[in-house]
Amino acid sequence: MRLSSHLSAALIAAGILAAPAGFAADPVKLLGFQSMPFSAVGEGKKLSGPGYEFVADLFKAAGIAFVAEGLPFGRVIEELNGDNAVAVFLTRTPAREQQFTWIAGLIEDDGFVFVSRAGSPAVTSFDQAKTLKSVGVLATSALAAQLTQNGVTNVDPVSSDELNAKKLVSSRIDAWFTSSTQGRYVLKQEQIAQDAVTIGPKVVPVPQWIVGAKGLPKETLEKLQAAFAAAKNNGRYAAFRASVD
């Protein structure tokens, strides 16, 4: 009896039927959303950015076929609720711990910070931020939600962190709330000297991890973790960190 290709694939996935020689598994969906320097979404949902390039290199080193696609944040989360998807990064939180497969720490030492102008006191807490006239933040982001949750209402939401950086150095806002990694990257891209601003301490830790769907195949997970370990040993990870720090 000859089985249909769809039935054969289903039986192979369930472990009922052995995969024939040359059988190719479906490529993994490698997803990202707009959040530089981790990933950027361009025309045709094309992904780019240092974080994406690093993770794509892991797939290539591991010999894992993938299809990359840039999506809105909410769609990325929806896809991660499937079985064969990986996201360039996601903040690892207790609430998400059991929801996904955590592959490797992309930037484990990231955190939310307040950036102020040089000469102004460093902003070290949400309570201190409440005393300022205005705090710039990326609109409709986890950062904006964090300010609201901590009672900071004097916010000035905008569409990009590049605009926040420009408003800060031109004295149009008193502080800018961002992540340590994103803040440093934007300052570098906008050619704003580090000594023109004061970056405060991390007020909320936000470890950024390469993350997979809960049902990600064990073999895929192990191959990616092995490729990540190799990248730490051969200097590829250090080169990635140097490009974003």
C-alpha atoms as a PDB file:
ATOM      1  CA  MET A   1       0.000   0.000   0.000  1.00  0.00           C
ATOM      2  CA  ARG A   2       1.366   3.417  -0.932  1.00  0.00           C
ATOM      3  CA  LEU A   3       0.919   6.197   1.629  1.00  0.00           C
ATOM      4  CA  SER A   4       0.289   9.805   0.643  1.00  0.00           C
ATOM      5  CA  SER A   5       3.151  12.227   1.210  1.00  0.00           C
ATOM      6  CA  HIS A   6       1.155  14.111   3.879  1.00  0.00           C
ATOM      7  CA  LEU A   7       0.357  10.906   5.789  1.00  0.00           C
ATOM      8  CA  SER A   8       3.937   9.692   5.529  1.00  0.00           C
ATOM      9  CA  ALA A   9       5.246  12.975   6.932  1.00  0.00           C
ATOM     10  CA  ALA A  10       2.783  12.821   9.807  1.00  0.00           C
ATOM     11  CA  LEU A  11       3.760   9.238  10.662  1.00  0.00           C
ATOM     12  CA  ILE A  12       7.449  10.100  10.513  1.00  0.00           C
ATOM     13  CA  ALA A  13       6.923  13.075  12.831  1.00  0.00           C
ATOM     14  CA  ALA A  14       5.071  10.815  15.257  1.00  0.00           C
ATOM     15  CA  GLY A  15       7.850   8.236  15.177  1.00  0.00           C
ATOM     16  CA  ILE A  16       5.552   5.557  13.723  1.00  0.00           C
ATOM     17  CA  LEU A  17       7.288   5.384  10.356  1.00  0.00           C
ATOM     18  CA  ALA A  18      11.032   5.578   9.787  1.00  0.00           C
ATOM     19  CA  ALA A  19      12.226   8.422   7.587  1.00  0.00           C
ATOM     20  CA  PRO A  20      13.417   7.184   4.179  1.00  0.00           C
ATOM     21  CA  ALA A  21      16.870   8.077   2.924  1.00  0.00           C
ATOM     22  CA  GLY A  22      16.899  11.659   1.685  1.00  0.00           C
ATOM     23  CA  PHE A  23      13.768  12.646   3.616  1.00  0.00           C
ATOM     24  CA  ALA A  24      14.066  16.346   4.461  1.00  0.00           C
ATOM     25  CA  ALA A  25      12.373  17.848   7.498  1.00  0.00           C
ATOM     26  CA  ASP A  26      10.565  21.144   7.079  1.00  0.00           C
ATOM     27  CA  PRO A  27      12.914  24.123   7.508  1.00  0.00           C
ATOM     28  CA  VAL A  28      12.755  25.924  10.831  1.00  0.00           C
ATOM     29  CA  LYS A  29      11.079  29.328  10.816  1.00  0.00           C
ATOM     30  CA  LEU A  30      13.655  31.875  12.007  1.00  0.00           C
ATOM     31  CA  LEU A  31      11.700  34.925  13.124  1.00  0.00           C
ATOM     32  CA  GLY A  32      12.484  38.433  14.278  1.00  0.00           C
ATOM     33  CA  PHE A  33      10.766  41.740  14.927  1.00  0.00           C
ATOM     34  CA  GLN A  34      11.899  45.361  14.679  1.00  0.00           C
ATOM     35  CA  SER A  35      14.322  45.879  17.570  1.00  0.00           C
ATOM     36  CA  MET A  36      17.853  46.897  16.666  1.00  0.00           C
ATOM     37  CA  PRO A  37      20.573  45.885  17.199  1.00  0.00           C
ATOM     38  CA  PHE A  38      18.967  42.468  17.531  1.00  0.00           C
ATOM     39  CA  SER A  39      16.898  42.440  14.348  1.00  0.00           C
ATOM     40  CA  ALA A  40      15.381  44.766  11.772  1.00  0.00           C
ATOM     41  CA  VAL A  41      12.486  44.092   9.412  1.00  0.00           C
ATOM     42  CA  GLY A  42      12.825  45.408   5.882  1.00  0.00           C
ATOM     43  CA  GLU A  43      10.863  45.306   2.654  1.00  0.00           C
ATOM     44  CA  GLY A  44       9.317  41.924   1.941  1.00  0.00           C
ATOM     45  CA  LYS A  45       9.638  40.930   5.624  1.00  0.00           C
ATOM     46  CA  LYS A  46      13.385  40.557   5.136  1.00  0.00           C
ATOM     47  CA  LEU A  47      15.398  40.268   8.351  1.00  0.00           C
ATOM     48  CA  SER A  48      18.723  41.959   8.992  1.00  0.00           C
ATOM     49  CA  GLY A  49      20.755  43.240  11.917  1.00  0.00           C
ATOM     50  CA  PRO A  50      23.678  41.972  14.013  1.00  0.00           C
ATOM     51  CA  GLY A  51      21.556  39.676  16.188  1.00  0.00           C
ATOM     52  CA  TYR A  52      19.819  38.075  13.227  1.00  0.00           C
ATOM     53  CA  GLU A  53      23.097  37.580  11.363  1.00  0.00           C
ATOM     54  CA  PHE A  54      24.662  35.884  14.397  1.00  0.00           C
ATOM     55  CA  VAL A  55      21.724  33.509  14.913  1.00  0.00           C
ATOM     56  CA  ALA A  56      21.511  32.749  11.177  1.00  0.00           C
ATOM     57  CA  ASP A  57      25.201  31.810  11.302  1.00  0.00           C
ATOM     58  CA  LEU A  58      24.410  29.351  14.108  1.00  0.00           C
ATOM     59  CA  PHE A  59      21.823  27.648  11.898  1.00  0.00           C
ATOM     60  CA  LYS A  60      24.319  27.430   9.036  1.00  0.00           C
ATOM     61  CA  ALA A  61      27.061  26.060  11.299  1.00  0.00           C
ATOM     62  CA  ALA A  62      24.629  23.477  12.682  1.00  0.00           C
ATOM     63  CA  GLY A  63      23.484  22.452   9.201  1.00  0.00           C
ATOM     64  CA  ILE A  64      19.848  23.297   9.958  1.00  0.00           C
ATOM     65  CA  ALA A  65      17.664  24.516   7.098  1.00  0.00           C
ATOM     66  CA  PHE A  66      15.693  27.656   7.922  1.00  0.00           C
ATOM     67  CA  VAL A  67      13.409  30.261   6.420  1.00  0.00           C
ATOM     68  CA  ALA A  68      13.800  33.780   7.852  1.00  0.00           C
ATOM     69  CA  GLU A  69      10.894  36.180   8.204  1.00  0.00           C
ATOM     70  CA  GLY A  70      10.359  39.514   9.924  1.00  0.00           C
ATOM     71  CA  LEU A  71       7.011  39.909  11.656  1.00  0.00           C
ATOM     72  CA  PRO A  72       5.312  42.193  14.188  1.00  0.00           C
ATOM     73  CA  PHE A  73       6.095  41.215  17.774  1.00  0.00           C
ATOM     74  CA  GLY A  74       2.653  39.708  18.399  1.00  0.00           C
ATOM     75  CA  ARG A  75       2.926  37.476  15.338  1.00  0.00           C
ATOM     76  CA  VAL A  76       6.332  36.224  16.447  1.00  0.00           C
ATOM     77  CA  ILE A  77       4.828  35.135  19.766  1.00  0.00           C
ATOM     78  CA  GLU A  78       1.986  33.372  17.912  1.00  0.00           C
ATOM     79  CA  GLU A  79       4.472  31.456  15.767  1.00  0.00           C
ATOM     80  CA  LEU A  80       6.463  30.449  18.852  1.00  0.00           C
ATOM     81  CA  ASN A  81       3.338  28.734  20.124  1.00  0.00           C
ATOM     82  CA  GLY A  82       3.782  26.256  17.250  1.00  0.00           C
ATOM     83  CA  ASP A  83       6.402  23.513  17.006  1.00  0.00           C
ATOM     84  CA  ASN A  84       9.044  24.534  14.492  1.00  0.00           C
ATOM     85  CA  ALA A  85       9.995  28.166  15.088  1.00  0.00           C
ATOM     86  CA  VAL A  86      12.929  30.054  16.600  1.00  0.00           C
ATOM     87  CA  ALA A  87      13.084  33.787  17.373  1.00  0.00           C
ATOM     88  CA  VAL A  88      16.296  35.793  17.206  1.00  0.00           C
ATOM     89  CA  PHE A  89      15.659  36.971  20.755  1.00  0.00           C
ATOM     90  CA  LEU A  90      13.101  37.342  23.496  1.00  0.00           C
ATOM     91  CA  THR A  91      13.427  38.638  27.036  1.00  0.00           C
ATOM     92  CA  ARG A  92      13.534  35.685  29.433  1.00  0.00           C
ATOM     93  CA  THR A  93      11.084  36.237  32.292  1.00  0.00           C
ATOM     94  CA  PRO A  94       9.551  33.963  34.964  1.00  0.00           C
ATOM     95  CA  ALA A  95       6.155  34.275  33.270  1.00  0.00           C
ATOM     96  CA  ARG A  96       7.597  32.981  29.992  1.00  0.00           C
ATOM     97  CA  GLU A  97       9.851  30.295  31.468  1.00  0.00           C
ATOM     98  CA  GLN A  98       7.585  27.304  30.791  1.00  0.00           C
ATOM     99  CA  GLN A  99       6.071  28.700  27.602  1.00  0.00           C
ATOM    100  CA  PHE A 100       9.101  28.418  25.323  1.00  0.00           C
ATOM    101  CA  THR A 101      12.369  26.542  24.776  1.00  0.00           C
ATOM    102  CA  TRP A 102      15.301  28.701  25.862  1.00  0.00           C
ATOM    103  CA  ILE A 103      18.199  27.927  23.537  1.00  0.00           C
ATOM    104  CA  ALA A 104      21.082  30.226  24.522  1.00  0.00           C
ATOM    105  CA  GLY A 105      21.724  33.585  26.142  1.00  0.00           C
ATOM    106  CA  LEU A 106      22.234  36.104  23.338  1.00  0.00           C
ATOM    107  CA  ILE A 107      22.843  39.044  25.721  1.00  0.00           C
ATOM    108  CA  GLU A 108      22.263  37.869  29.276  1.00  0.00           C
ATOM    109  CA  ASP A 109      23.529  41.054  30.934  1.00  0.00           C
ATOM    110  CA  ASP A 110      21.081  43.460  29.266  1.00  0.00           C
ATOM    111  CA  GLY A 111      18.854  45.695  31.378  1.00  0.00           C
ATOM    112  CA  PHE A 112      16.562  48.728  31.302  1.00  0.00           C
ATOM    113  CA  VAL A 113      18.346  52.014  32.057  1.00  0.00           C
ATOM    114  CA  PHE A 114      17.697  55.738  32.205  1.00  0.00           C
ATOM    115  CA  VAL A 115      19.972  57.878  30.030  1.00  0.00           C
ATOM    116  CA  SER A 116      20.392  61.548  30.965  1.00  0.00           C
ATOM    117  CA  ARG A 117      22.517  64.392  29.608  1.00  0.00           C
ATOM    118  CA  ALA A 118      26.091  64.739  30.762  1.00  0.00           C
ATOM    119  CA  GLY A 119      26.273  67.073  33.740  1.00  0.00           C
ATOM    120  CA  SER A 120      22.869  65.968  35.019  1.00  0.00           C
ATOM    121  CA  PRO A 121      22.650  63.454  37.868  1.00  0.00           C
ATOM    122  CA  ALA A 122      22.399  59.815  36.832  1.00  0.00           C
ATOM    123  CA  VAL A 123      18.821  58.551  37.107  1.00  0.00           C
ATOM    124  CA  THR A 124      19.034  55.442  39.259  1.00  0.00           C
ATOM    125  CA  SER A 125      15.423  54.595  40.107  1.00  0.00           C
ATOM    126  CA  PHE A 126      11.808  54.932  39.016  1.00  0.00           C
ATOM    127  CA  ASP A 127      11.137  57.186  42.014  1.00  0.00           C
ATOM    128  CA  GLN A 128      13.832  59.580  40.831  1.00  0.00           C
ATOM    129  CA  ALA A 129      12.389  59.493  37.298  1.00  0.00           C
ATOM    130  CA  LYS A 130       9.023  60.653  38.675  1.00  0.00           C
ATOM    131  CA  THR A 131      10.626  63.966  39.673  1.00  0.00           C
ATOM    132  CA  LEU A 132      11.728  64.793  36.122  1.00  0.00           C
ATOM    133  CA  LYS A 133       9.745  66.961  33.736  1.00  0.00           C
ATOM    134  CA  SER A 134       9.733  64.408  30.901  1.00  0.00           C
ATOM    135  CA  VAL A 135      11.045  60.912  30.175  1.00  0.00           C
ATOM    136  CA  GLY A 136      11.343  59.743  26.575  1.00  0.00           C
ATOM    137  CA  VAL A 137      10.394  56.166  25.751  1.00  0.00           C
ATOM    138  CA  LEU A 138       9.552  54.010  22.757  1.00  0.00           C
ATOM    139  CA  ALA A 139       5.769  54.048  22.333  1.00  0.00           C
ATOM    140  CA  THR A 140       3.737  50.838  22.867  1.00  0.00           C
ATOM    141  CA  SER A 141       6.804  48.947  24.073  1.00  0.00           C
ATOM    142  CA  ALA A 142       7.664  46.839  27.110  1.00  0.00           C
ATOM    143  CA  LEU A 143       9.684  49.855  28.230  1.00  0.00           C
ATOM    144  CA  ALA A 144       6.622  52.113  28.206  1.00  0.00           C
ATOM    145  CA  ALA A 145       4.659  49.478  30.122  1.00  0.00           C
ATOM    146  CA  GLN A 146       7.448  49.244  32.700  1.00  0.00           C
ATOM    147  CA  LEU A 147       7.263  52.988  33.353  1.00  0.00           C
ATOM    148  CA  THR A 148       3.489  52.841  33.768  1.00  0.00           C
ATOM    149  CA  GLN A 149       3.704  49.858  36.118  1.00  0.00           C
ATOM    150  CA  ASN A 150       6.154  51.760  38.305  1.00  0.00           C
ATOM    151  CA  GLY A 151       4.089  54.941  38.468  1.00  0.00           C
ATOM    152  CA  VAL A 152       6.110  57.088  36.068  1.00  0.00           C
ATOM    153  CA  THR A 153       3.508  59.187  34.241  1.00  0.00           C
ATOM    154  CA  ASN A 154       5.619  62.079  32.923  1.00  0.00           C
ATOM    155  CA  VAL A 155       6.406  60.169  29.738  1.00  0.00           C
ATOM    156  CA  ASP A 156       6.981  61.401  26.194  1.00  0.00           C
ATOM    157  CA  PRO A 157       6.399  58.379  23.906  1.00  0.00           C
ATOM    158  CA  VAL A 158       7.827  58.465  20.382  1.00  0.00           C
ATOM    159  CA  SER A 159       8.122  56.091  17.434  1.00  0.00           C
ATOM    160  CA  SER A 160      11.873  55.411  17.556  1.00  0.00           C
ATOM    161  CA  ASP A 161      14.788  55.375  19.964  1.00  0.00           C
ATOM    162  CA  GLU A 162      16.800  57.382  17.448  1.00  0.00           C
ATOM    163  CA  LEU A 163      14.348  60.237  18.022  1.00  0.00           C
ATOM    164  CA  ASN A 164      14.620  59.794  21.790  1.00  0.00           C
ATOM    165  CA  ALA A 165      18.402  60.146  21.599  1.00  0.00           C
ATOM    166  CA  LYS A 166      18.143  63.333  19.517  1.00  0.00           C
ATOM    167  CA  LYS A 167      15.552  64.840  21.863  1.00  0.00           C
ATOM    168  CA  LEU A 168      17.737  64.080  24.877  1.00  0.00           C
ATOM    169  CA  VAL A 169      20.878  65.792  23.601  1.00  0.00           C
ATOM    170  CA  SER A 170      18.836  68.790  22.399  1.00  0.00           C
ATOM    171  CA  SER A 171      17.314  69.168  25.910  1.00  0.00           C
ATOM    172  CA  ARG A 172      13.759  68.401  24.768  1.00  0.00           C
ATOM    173  CA  ILE A 173      13.457  65.590  27.344  1.00  0.00           C
ATOM    174  CA  ASP A 174      15.213  65.112  30.692  1.00  0.00           C
ATOM    175  CA  ALA A 175      15.886  61.391  30.398  1.00  0.00           C
ATOM    176  CA  TRP A 176      15.459  58.504  27.998  1.00  0.00           C
ATOM    177  CA  PHE A 177      14.327  55.057  29.154  1.00  0.00           C
ATOM    178  CA  THR A 178      15.755  52.245  27.034  1.00  0.00           C
ATOM    179  CA  SER A 179      17.710  49.022  27.287  1.00  0.00           C
ATOM    180  CA  SER A 180      21.432  49.184  27.902  1.00  0.00           C
ATOM    181  CA  THR A 181      22.189  47.377  24.643  1.00  0.00           C
ATOM    182  CA  GLN A 182      19.777  49.358  22.482  1.00  0.00           C
ATOM    183  CA  GLY A 183      20.804  52.658  24.048  1.00  0.00           C
ATOM    184  CA  ARG A 184      24.510  52.169  23.385  1.00  0.00           C
ATOM    185  CA  TYR A 185      23.806  50.993  19.839  1.00  0.00           C
ATOM    186  CA  VAL A 186      21.590  53.983  19.009  1.00  0.00           C
ATOM    187  CA  LEU A 187      24.122  56.440  20.433  1.00  0.00           C
ATOM    188  CA  LYS A 188      26.795  54.889  18.231  1.00  0.00           C
ATOM    189  CA  GLN A 189      24.582  54.941  15.130  1.00  0.00           C
ATOM    190  CA  GLU A 190      23.577  58.569  15.742  1.00  0.00           C
ATOM    191  CA  GLN A 191      27.235  59.479  16.347  1.00  0.00           C
ATOM    192  CA  ILE A 192      26.475  60.896  19.779  1.00  0.00           C
ATOM    193  CA  ALA A 193      29.580  60.845  21.959  1.00  0.00           C
ATOM    194  CA  GLN A 194      29.390  58.693  25.071  1.00  0.00           C
ATOM    195  CA  ASP A 195      30.612  61.638  27.157  1.00  0.00           C
ATOM    196  CA  ALA A 196      27.573  63.668  26.029  1.00  0.00           C
ATOM    197  CA  VAL A 197      25.267  61.479  28.121  1.00  0.00           C
ATOM    198  CA  THR A 198      25.149  59.645  31.428  1.00  0.00           C
ATOM    199  CA  ILE A 199      23.906  56.060  31.351  1.00  0.00           C
ATOM    200  CA  GLY A 200      22.484  55.085  34.723  1.00  0.00           C
ATOM    201  CA  PRO A 201      22.585  51.650  36.350  1.00  0.00           C
ATOM    202  CA  LYS A 202      20.269  48.863  35.232  1.00  0.00           C
ATOM    203  CA  VAL A 203      16.991  49.255  37.111  1.00  0.00           C
ATOM    204  CA  VAL A 204      15.414  46.107  35.626  1.00  0.00           C
ATOM    205  CA  PRO A 205      17.417  43.088  34.383  1.00  0.00           C
ATOM    206  CA  VAL A 206      16.260  41.929  30.939  1.00  0.00           C
ATOM    207  CA  PRO A 207      18.267  38.887  29.810  1.00  0.00           C
ATOM    208  CA  GLN A 208      17.834  38.431  26.059  1.00  0.00           C
ATOM    209  CA  TRP A 209      17.794  34.830  24.832  1.00  0.00           C
ATOM    210  CA  ILE A 210      17.574  32.986  21.543  1.00  0.00           C
ATOM    211  CA  VAL A 211      14.256  31.209  21.990  1.00  0.00           C
ATOM    212  CA  GLY A 212      12.399  28.363  20.342  1.00  0.00           C
ATOM    213  CA  ALA A 213       8.902  26.966  20.338  1.00  0.00           C
ATOM    214  CA  LYS A 214       8.041  24.661  23.221  1.00  0.00           C
ATOM    215  CA  GLY A 215       7.791  21.767  20.768  1.00  0.00           C
ATOM    216  CA  LEU A 216      11.110  22.468  19.030  1.00  0.00           C
ATOM    217  CA  PRO A 217      12.682  19.086  18.160  1.00  0.00           C
ATOM    218  CA  LYS A 218      15.354  17.991  20.629  1.00  0.00           C
ATOM    219  CA  GLU A 219      17.864  17.411  17.836  1.00  0.00           C
ATOM    220  CA  THR A 220      17.416  20.980  16.577  1.00  0.00           C
ATOM    221  CA  LEU A 221      17.871  22.359  20.102  1.00  0.00           C
ATOM    222  CA  GLU A 222      21.037  20.353  20.726  1.00  0.00           C
ATOM    223  CA  LYS A 223      22.585  21.297  17.369  1.00  0.00           C
ATOM    224  CA  LEU A 224      21.945  25.005  17.940  1.00  0.00           C
ATOM    225  CA  GLN A 225      23.339  24.843  21.475  1.00  0.00           C
ATOM    226  CA  ALA A 226      26.458  23.085  20.186  1.00  0.00           C
ATOM    227  CA  ALA A 227      26.873  25.742  17.482  1.00  0.00           C
ATOM    228  CA  PHE A 228      26.493  28.479  20.113  1.00  0.00           C
ATOM    229  CA  ALA A 229      29.157  26.865  22.319  1.00  0.00           C
ATOM    230  CA  ALA A 230      31.483  26.713  19.311  1.00  0.00           C
ATOM    231  CA  ALA A 231      30.804  30.394  18.540  1.00  0.00           C
ATOM    232  CA  LYS A 232      31.881  31.295  22.068  1.00  0.00           C
ATOM    233  CA  ASN A 233      35.121  29.366  21.602  1.00  0.00           C
ATOM    234  CA  ASN A 234      36.040  30.539  18.103  1.00  0.00           C
ATOM    235  CA  GLY A 235      35.476  34.267  18.641  1.00  0.00           C
ATOM    236  CA  ARG A 236      32.268  34.628  16.605  1.00  0.00           C
ATOM    237  CA  TYR A 237      30.207  35.489  19.694  1.00  0.00           C
ATOM    238  CA  ALA A 238      32.815  37.996  20.885  1.00  0.00           C
ATOM    239  CA  ALA A 239      32.693  39.671  17.464  1.00  0.00           C
ATOM    240  CA  PHE A 240      28.901  39.911  17.693  1.00  0.00           C
ATOM    241  CA  ARG A 241      29.081  41.498  21.147  1.00  0.00           C
ATOM    242  CA  ALA A 242      31.706  43.975  19.966  1.00  0.00           C
ATOM    243  CA  SER A 243      29.371  45.045  17.156  1.00  0.00           C
ATOM    244  CA  VAL A 244      26.523  45.912  19.534  1.00  0.00           C
ATOM    245  CA  ASP A 245      28.294  47.025  22.738  1.00  0.00           C
END
